[in-house]
Amino acid sequence: MKTTLLKIDSIMYRVKDLKEGERFYIEILGLKKVWEDAERKMIGFQLNESDAEIVIHANPDLGDFEFSYLVENVEEFIKEREGRMKVSFGPIDVRTGRYAVLEDPDGNQIPIIDLTSFGGKPRYD
């Protein structure tokens, strides 16, 4: 197998009100807003000493996954493991590239995301 989980990419929280969530994460938690995707109702914040992000969203189409692992390419990751694991969601297009949720043999969900739309590198507004 060539592909692997690279790191924790983001911690994600669903919020009821995106603007109120934005205010809280900036004013109360002191995070820096680094991107916003109005179409998908998502905002990303950068942690001061990590390249992982906190992402808030008010998108009812997204699951309740609280984190995601970065992989080089979601499609290749899944293809290399075809028939040996369950894909319970996706792959779907997201701001950065592709996203899917896998399951381990005990049903634990493993969300994966790639940066293929960004040439493999994070991009901030």
N, C-alpha and C. Protein backbone atom coordinates (compact mmCIF):
# COMPACT_ATOMS: atom_id res chain seq x y z
N MET A 1 0.83 -1.18 0.00
CA MET A 1 0.00 0.00 0.00
C MET A 1 0.87 1.24 0.00
N LYS A 2 0.57 2.15 -0.88
CA LYS A 2 1.34 3.38 -0.97
C LYS A 2 0.75 4.49 -0.10
N THR A 3 -0.57 4.56 -0.02
CA THR A 3 -1.19 5.67 0.69
C THR A 3 -1.40 5.34 2.16
N THR A 4 -1.44 6.38 2.98
CA THR A 4 -1.66 6.19 4.41
C THR A 4 -2.33 7.44 4.97
N LEU A 5 -2.79 7.36 6.21
CA LEU A 5 -3.28 8.55 6.89
C LEU A 5 -2.07 9.40 7.21
N LEU A 6 -2.11 10.69 6.85
CA LEU A 6 -0.95 11.57 7.02
C LEU A 6 -0.95 12.30 8.36
N LYS A 7 -2.10 12.82 8.75
CA LYS A 7 -2.21 13.60 9.99
C LYS A 7 -3.67 13.93 10.23
N ILE A 8 -3.96 14.49 11.38
CA ILE A 8 -5.29 15.04 11.61
C ILE A 8 -5.35 16.36 10.85
N ASP A 9 -6.31 16.47 9.96
CA ASP A 9 -6.45 17.67 9.13
C ASP A 9 -7.26 18.74 9.84
N SER A 10 -8.39 18.34 10.40
CA SER A 10 -9.25 19.33 11.02
C SER A 10 -10.15 18.71 12.08
N ILE A 11 -10.59 19.59 12.96
CA ILE A 11 -11.63 19.27 13.93
C ILE A 11 -12.85 20.07 13.47
N MET A 12 -13.99 19.42 13.34
CA MET A 12 -15.15 20.08 12.77
C MET A 12 -16.32 20.07 13.76
N TYR A 13 -16.99 21.20 13.83
CA TYR A 13 -18.16 21.34 14.69
C TYR A 13 -19.32 21.90 13.89
N ARG A 14 -20.50 21.33 14.10
CA ARG A 14 -21.72 21.88 13.50
C ARG A 14 -22.23 22.99 14.43
N VAL A 15 -22.60 24.12 13.85
CA VAL A 15 -23.15 25.23 14.62
C VAL A 15 -24.53 25.57 14.06
N LYS A 16 -25.37 26.16 14.89
CA LYS A 16 -26.70 26.56 14.44
C LYS A 16 -26.64 27.84 13.63
N ASP A 17 -25.77 28.77 14.04
CA ASP A 17 -25.67 30.08 13.40
C ASP A 17 -24.21 30.33 13.06
N LEU A 18 -23.90 30.36 11.77
CA LEU A 18 -22.50 30.46 11.32
C LEU A 18 -21.86 31.77 11.78
N LYS A 19 -22.58 32.89 11.69
CA LYS A 19 -22.02 34.18 12.09
C LYS A 19 -21.77 34.23 13.60
N GLU A 20 -22.68 33.70 14.39
CA GLU A 20 -22.48 33.66 15.84
C GLU A 20 -21.31 32.74 16.18
N GLY A 21 -21.20 31.63 15.47
CA GLY A 21 -20.06 30.73 15.67
C GLY A 21 -18.76 31.42 15.32
N GLU A 22 -18.75 32.14 14.21
CA GLU A 22 -17.55 32.87 13.80
C GLU A 22 -17.13 33.86 14.89
N ARG A 23 -18.08 34.62 15.40
CA ARG A 23 -17.78 35.57 16.46
C ARG A 23 -17.18 34.88 17.68
N PHE A 24 -17.77 33.77 18.09
CA PHE A 24 -17.27 33.03 19.26
C PHE A 24 -15.83 32.55 19.06
N TYR A 25 -15.56 31.92 17.94
CA TYR A 25 -14.23 31.35 17.72
C TYR A 25 -13.15 32.42 17.57
N ILE A 26 -13.53 33.60 17.07
CA ILE A 26 -12.56 34.69 16.96
C ILE A 26 -12.44 35.46 18.26
N GLU A 27 -13.57 35.97 18.78
CA GLU A 27 -13.54 36.86 19.95
C GLU A 27 -13.30 36.13 21.27
N ILE A 28 -13.89 34.98 21.43
CA ILE A 28 -13.79 34.26 22.70
C ILE A 28 -12.60 33.32 22.73
N LEU A 29 -12.38 32.56 21.66
CA LEU A 29 -11.28 31.60 21.65
C LEU A 29 -9.99 32.17 21.06
N GLY A 30 -10.07 33.32 20.41
CA GLY A 30 -8.87 33.98 19.91
C GLY A 30 -8.26 33.35 18.67
N LEU A 31 -9.07 32.61 17.89
CA LEU A 31 -8.55 31.98 16.68
C LEU A 31 -8.59 32.94 15.50
N LYS A 32 -7.76 32.67 14.51
CA LYS A 32 -7.69 33.47 13.30
C LYS A 32 -8.50 32.78 12.20
N LYS A 33 -9.45 33.51 11.62
CA LYS A 33 -10.22 33.00 10.49
C LYS A 33 -9.31 32.98 9.27
N VAL A 34 -9.21 31.81 8.60
CA VAL A 34 -8.32 31.70 7.45
C VAL A 34 -9.05 31.43 6.13
N TRP A 35 -10.30 31.00 6.21
CA TRP A 35 -11.07 30.82 4.98
C TRP A 35 -12.55 30.73 5.31
N GLU A 36 -13.37 31.00 4.30
CA GLU A 36 -14.82 30.84 4.41
C GLU A 36 -15.35 30.32 3.09
N ASP A 37 -16.26 29.38 3.16
CA ASP A 37 -16.94 28.83 2.00
C ASP A 37 -18.43 29.09 2.20
N ALA A 38 -18.91 30.20 1.66
CA ALA A 38 -20.30 30.60 1.87
C ALA A 38 -21.27 29.60 1.26
N GLU A 39 -20.90 29.03 0.12
CA GLU A 39 -21.78 28.07 -0.55
C GLU A 39 -22.04 26.84 0.32
N ARG A 40 -20.99 26.35 0.97
CA ARG A 40 -21.13 25.15 1.81
C ARG A 40 -21.35 25.49 3.28
N LYS A 41 -21.45 26.77 3.60
CA LYS A 41 -21.72 27.26 4.96
C LYS A 41 -20.66 26.76 5.94
N MET A 42 -19.38 27.06 5.62
CA MET A 42 -18.26 26.60 6.42
C MET A 42 -17.25 27.73 6.62
N ILE A 43 -16.59 27.73 7.78
CA ILE A 43 -15.52 28.68 8.08
C ILE A 43 -14.38 27.91 8.72
N GLY A 44 -13.16 28.20 8.30
CA GLY A 44 -11.97 27.55 8.86
C GLY A 44 -11.16 28.52 9.69
N PHE A 45 -10.64 28.02 10.81
CA PHE A 45 -9.80 28.80 11.71
C PHE A 45 -8.48 28.07 11.90
N GLN A 46 -7.42 28.83 12.03
CA GLN A 46 -6.10 28.24 12.21
C GLN A 46 -5.71 28.23 13.68
N LEU A 47 -5.17 27.11 14.12
CA LEU A 47 -4.62 27.02 15.46
C LEU A 47 -3.23 27.65 15.46
N ASN A 48 -2.86 28.30 16.54
CA ASN A 48 -1.60 29.05 16.59
C ASN A 48 -0.36 28.19 16.42
N GLU A 49 -0.35 26.98 16.94
CA GLU A 49 0.87 26.17 16.90
C GLU A 49 0.66 24.83 16.20
N SER A 50 -0.22 24.82 15.22
CA SER A 50 -0.50 23.60 14.47
C SER A 50 -1.03 23.98 13.10
N ASP A 51 -0.83 23.12 12.12
CA ASP A 51 -1.44 23.38 10.83
C ASP A 51 -2.80 22.72 10.69
N ALA A 52 -3.26 22.04 11.75
CA ALA A 52 -4.62 21.53 11.77
C ALA A 52 -5.57 22.72 11.93
N GLU A 53 -6.77 22.58 11.44
CA GLU A 53 -7.75 23.64 11.51
C GLU A 53 -8.94 23.24 12.37
N ILE A 54 -9.63 24.25 12.89
CA ILE A 54 -10.97 24.07 13.43
C ILE A 54 -11.91 24.59 12.36
N VAL A 55 -12.88 23.78 11.99
CA VAL A 55 -13.85 24.15 10.96
C VAL A 55 -15.23 24.12 11.60
N ILE A 56 -15.97 25.21 11.43
CA ILE A 56 -17.37 25.21 11.86
C ILE A 56 -18.23 25.21 10.61
N HIS A 57 -19.40 24.60 10.71
CA HIS A 57 -20.29 24.58 9.55
C HIS A 57 -21.74 24.57 10.01
N ALA A 58 -22.59 25.08 9.15
CA ALA A 58 -24.03 25.05 9.36
C ALA A 58 -24.67 24.39 8.15
N ASN A 59 -24.02 23.36 7.65
CA ASN A 59 -24.44 22.67 6.44
C ASN A 59 -25.16 21.37 6.80
N PRO A 60 -26.48 21.31 6.61
CA PRO A 60 -27.23 20.10 6.99
C PRO A 60 -26.86 18.88 6.15
N ASP A 61 -26.18 19.08 5.01
CA ASP A 61 -25.80 17.96 4.16
C ASP A 61 -24.56 17.23 4.66
N LEU A 62 -23.82 17.84 5.58
CA LEU A 62 -22.62 17.21 6.12
C LEU A 62 -22.98 16.37 7.34
N GLY A 63 -22.25 15.31 7.52
CA GLY A 63 -22.45 14.46 8.70
C GLY A 63 -21.96 15.14 9.96
N ASP A 64 -22.03 14.44 11.05
CA ASP A 64 -21.60 14.97 12.35
C ASP A 64 -20.19 14.51 12.69
N PHE A 65 -19.31 14.48 11.72
CA PHE A 65 -17.96 14.00 11.96
C PHE A 65 -17.15 15.12 12.60
N GLU A 66 -16.48 14.81 13.70
CA GLU A 66 -15.81 15.83 14.49
C GLU A 66 -14.35 16.03 14.11
N PHE A 67 -13.84 15.23 13.19
CA PHE A 67 -12.44 15.36 12.78
C PHE A 67 -12.30 14.72 11.40
N SER A 68 -11.18 14.96 10.77
CA SER A 68 -10.88 14.23 9.54
C SER A 68 -9.38 14.05 9.43
N TYR A 69 -9.01 12.94 8.82
CA TYR A 69 -7.60 12.64 8.56
C TYR A 69 -7.26 13.07 7.14
N LEU A 70 -6.08 13.63 6.98
CA LEU A 70 -5.61 14.01 5.66
C LEU A 70 -4.98 12.81 4.97
N VAL A 71 -5.31 12.62 3.70
CA VAL A 71 -4.67 11.64 2.84
C VAL A 71 -4.25 12.37 1.57
N GLU A 72 -3.32 11.80 0.83
CA GLU A 72 -2.88 12.46 -0.40
C GLU A 72 -3.99 12.52 -1.43
N ASN A 73 -4.75 11.43 -1.56
CA ASN A 73 -5.80 11.36 -2.57
C ASN A 73 -6.87 10.40 -2.09
N VAL A 74 -8.05 10.90 -1.84
CA VAL A 74 -9.15 10.08 -1.32
C VAL A 74 -9.48 8.93 -2.26
N GLU A 75 -9.59 9.22 -3.55
CA GLU A 75 -9.95 8.18 -4.51
C GLU A 75 -8.92 7.05 -4.53
N GLU A 76 -7.63 7.39 -4.55
CA GLU A 76 -6.58 6.37 -4.55
C GLU A 76 -6.57 5.59 -3.24
N PHE A 77 -6.77 6.29 -2.13
CA PHE A 77 -6.79 5.63 -0.82
C PHE A 77 -7.88 4.55 -0.80
N ILE A 78 -9.06 4.89 -1.29
CA ILE A 78 -10.17 3.94 -1.31
C ILE A 78 -9.89 2.81 -2.30
N LYS A 79 -9.41 3.15 -3.49
CA LYS A 79 -9.15 2.14 -4.52
C LYS A 79 -8.14 1.09 -4.04
N GLU A 80 -7.08 1.53 -3.34
CA GLU A 80 -6.07 0.59 -2.86
C GLU A 80 -6.61 -0.37 -1.81
N ARG A 81 -7.74 -0.05 -1.22
CA ARG A 81 -8.32 -0.88 -0.17
C ARG A 81 -9.66 -1.49 -0.57
N GLU A 82 -9.99 -1.39 -1.84
CA GLU A 82 -11.27 -1.86 -2.35
C GLU A 82 -11.54 -3.31 -1.92
N GLY A 83 -12.74 -3.54 -1.42
CA GLY A 83 -13.15 -4.87 -1.00
C GLY A 83 -12.67 -5.25 0.39
N ARG A 84 -11.87 -4.42 1.03
CA ARG A 84 -11.34 -4.75 2.35
C ARG A 84 -11.82 -3.81 3.44
N MET A 85 -12.67 -2.85 3.06
CA MET A 85 -13.23 -1.92 4.03
C MET A 85 -14.53 -1.36 3.48
N LYS A 86 -15.31 -0.82 4.36
CA LYS A 86 -16.58 -0.23 3.96
C LYS A 86 -16.42 1.28 3.82
N VAL A 87 -16.95 1.82 2.73
CA VAL A 87 -17.05 3.26 2.55
C VAL A 87 -18.50 3.62 2.90
N SER A 88 -18.69 4.30 4.02
CA SER A 88 -20.06 4.58 4.48
C SER A 88 -20.61 5.92 3.99
N PHE A 89 -19.75 6.77 3.45
CA PHE A 89 -20.20 8.07 2.96
C PHE A 89 -19.21 8.57 1.92
N GLY A 90 -19.74 9.07 0.80
CA GLY A 90 -18.88 9.65 -0.22
C GLY A 90 -18.27 8.61 -1.13
N PRO A 91 -17.23 9.04 -1.81
CA PRO A 91 -16.57 10.34 -1.78
C PRO A 91 -17.44 11.45 -2.38
N ILE A 92 -17.26 12.66 -1.83
CA ILE A 92 -17.94 13.83 -2.33
C ILE A 92 -16.92 14.94 -2.57
N ASP A 93 -17.31 15.91 -3.39
CA ASP A 93 -16.48 17.09 -3.59
C ASP A 93 -16.63 18.02 -2.40
N VAL A 94 -15.51 18.55 -1.94
CA VAL A 94 -15.48 19.56 -0.89
C VAL A 94 -14.56 20.67 -1.35
N ARG A 95 -14.48 21.72 -0.57
CA ARG A 95 -13.68 22.89 -0.94
C ARG A 95 -12.25 22.52 -1.32
N THR A 96 -11.63 21.63 -0.58
CA THR A 96 -10.22 21.30 -0.78
C THR A 96 -9.98 20.21 -1.80
N GLY A 97 -11.00 19.40 -2.09
CA GLY A 97 -10.82 18.27 -3.00
C GLY A 97 -11.92 17.24 -2.84
N ARG A 98 -11.59 16.12 -2.18
CA ARG A 98 -12.56 15.04 -1.99
C ARG A 98 -12.60 14.64 -0.52
N TYR A 99 -13.75 14.07 -0.12
CA TYR A 99 -14.00 13.68 1.27
C TYR A 99 -14.79 12.39 1.27
N ALA A 100 -14.48 11.50 2.20
CA ALA A 100 -15.23 10.25 2.35
C ALA A 100 -15.13 9.80 3.80
N VAL A 101 -16.01 8.89 4.15
CA VAL A 101 -15.96 8.29 5.49
C VAL A 101 -15.87 6.78 5.32
N LEU A 102 -14.87 6.20 5.96
CA LEU A 102 -14.63 4.76 5.93
C LEU A 102 -15.06 4.18 7.27
N GLU A 103 -15.12 2.86 7.35
CA GLU A 103 -15.41 2.19 8.62
C GLU A 103 -14.40 1.10 8.87
N ASP A 104 -13.98 0.98 10.12
CA ASP A 104 -13.12 -0.13 10.52
C ASP A 104 -14.01 -1.34 10.79
N PRO A 105 -13.44 -2.51 11.09
CA PRO A 105 -14.26 -3.71 11.30
C PRO A 105 -15.28 -3.60 12.43
N ASP A 106 -15.07 -2.67 13.36
CA ASP A 106 -16.01 -2.49 14.47
C ASP A 106 -17.02 -1.39 14.22
N GLY A 107 -17.02 -0.82 13.02
CA GLY A 107 -17.98 0.22 12.68
C GLY A 107 -17.56 1.62 13.07
N ASN A 108 -16.33 1.79 13.57
CA ASN A 108 -15.84 3.14 13.88
C ASN A 108 -15.64 3.90 12.58
N GLN A 109 -16.11 5.13 12.56
CA GLN A 109 -16.01 5.93 11.35
C GLN A 109 -14.66 6.63 11.26
N ILE A 110 -14.09 6.63 10.05
CA ILE A 110 -12.78 7.21 9.79
C ILE A 110 -12.93 8.19 8.63
N PRO A 111 -13.17 9.48 8.94
CA PRO A 111 -13.31 10.47 7.88
C PRO A 111 -11.96 10.82 7.26
N ILE A 112 -11.91 10.86 5.93
CA ILE A 112 -10.67 11.22 5.24
C ILE A 112 -10.96 12.36 4.26
N ILE A 113 -9.95 13.19 4.05
CA ILE A 113 -10.07 14.34 3.17
C ILE A 113 -8.75 14.52 2.43
N ASP A 114 -8.82 15.10 1.24
CA ASP A 114 -7.57 15.41 0.53
C ASP A 114 -7.55 16.88 0.12
N LEU A 115 -6.41 17.30 -0.39
CA LEU A 115 -6.22 18.68 -0.84
C LEU A 115 -5.99 18.73 -2.34
N THR A 116 -6.61 17.80 -3.07
CA THR A 116 -6.35 17.70 -4.51
C THR A 116 -6.80 18.94 -5.28
N SER A 117 -7.79 19.66 -4.82
CA SER A 117 -8.20 20.89 -5.50
C SER A 117 -7.20 22.02 -5.28
N PHE A 118 -6.36 21.87 -4.27
CA PHE A 118 -5.37 22.89 -3.93
C PHE A 118 -3.95 22.45 -4.27
N GLY A 119 -3.80 21.44 -5.11
CA GLY A 119 -2.47 20.97 -5.48
C GLY A 119 -1.73 20.30 -4.34
N GLY A 120 -2.46 19.77 -3.36
CA GLY A 120 -1.85 19.06 -2.24
C GLY A 120 -1.36 19.94 -1.11
N LYS A 121 -1.56 21.24 -1.20
CA LYS A 121 -1.09 22.17 -0.17
C LYS A 121 -2.26 22.95 0.41
N PRO A 122 -2.24 23.24 1.70
CA PRO A 122 -3.31 24.08 2.28
C PRO A 122 -3.35 25.45 1.61
N ARG A 123 -4.52 26.01 1.52
CA ARG A 123 -4.68 27.36 0.95
C ARG A 123 -5.63 28.14 1.83
N TYR A 124 -5.24 29.34 2.14
CA TYR A 124 -6.06 30.20 2.99
C TYR A 124 -6.47 31.43 2.21
N ASP A 125 -7.60 32.00 2.58
CA ASP A 125 -8.10 33.22 1.91
C ASP A 125 -7.17 34.39 2.16
